[in-house]
Amino acid sequence: MSDSSAAPARLTVFKTYKLYVGGKFPRSESGRVYEVTDPKGKWLANAPLSSRKDARDAVVAARKAFGGWSGATAYNRGQILYRIAEMLEGRRDQFVREVGEAEGLSKSKAAAVVDAAIDRWVWYAGWTDKIGQVVGGANPVAGPFFNLSTPEPTGVVTVVAPQDSSFLGLVSVIAPVIATGNTAVVIASEKAPLPALSLGEVLATSDLPGGVVNILSGKAGEMGPHLAAHMDVNAIDLAGADEALARELEVAAADNLKRVLRPQPVDDWSADPGTARMTAFLETKTVWHPTGSLGASGSSY
């Protein structure tokens, strides 16, 4: 007799990875995909091969989101970044698997990477309402004026994500950009894009307004030059570009005087990142304000 209580066979539901642009999940407009494999050559998934048009759409979405995001209070941005960490904690097992497959790590090592990435979000969440006090301040001037310097976000930032650190490195270059009020167009690691594309699903459910972060998968050498030359991109982080590509993008970025953060060697992405990546995409606004007429005693107000 057959065992009628046995569980029926079912088809495996494979995940379709998509881009994250403007808070939505489109396929590449070109319809192209490419095979993603683990370090041993085992097939993992087909990822969208983004086109120049996808990159332009991402810039449009980032520019549209910039006003609201940069105008939000620093405290509110911190709340949202912390919410991202909460959502990542809830999907920890998924990211441990994806990071382990992407980077050829054991489960325990992949878990350590994911935990460090979650902690990194929390760390930057705490900085959103403090960075202004660190890099801004009141300046002493000779005259009846208040002279105040305050940091402001640069605008739309293109980020070429690290190639070898598919998740912790990715978080380490995205979080400081948006913590300070910028919006981002991210080119994920070409060889290991799946954790980045899954991060888009987390961002979409974490109160982050659509367009603040836009994630593209594909070839940095194909999309990078167009983004570096795009006149509505204000800055570019070349963290994941090799020397030749970094030079090409730096030259293209000069047309509209983009801020350029050249590749910095990072031996350990889990090390204390400091504030350098936040200040790289901040500008300083200085305001003079009269204090009022000085009386005979030299006092004002």
Foldseek 3Di string as FASTA:
>chain_A
DDDPPDDDDDDDDDDDFAWAAQLDGDAAPVPDWDFAFFPVRHTDYTYHAHALVLLVRLLVLQQVCQVVLQPDALLVLLQLLLLLLVLCVVVLVVQLVLQCRRQVHDSVVSSVLSVLLSVLSNVLSVCLNPVQVVPWDWDDDPDQKTKTKGKGFQEEEEEEFAQNSQGLSRSLQLSLNSSRRYAYEYEGHANRPVSVSVSSVSSSPRPNRGSSYTYDYHDCLRNLLSQLQDLSHAAYECQHPDPVSQVNSVVSNPPNDHQYHGHDDDPDSSPDPPCVSNVSRIDMDIDIGGQDDQDPVRDGD
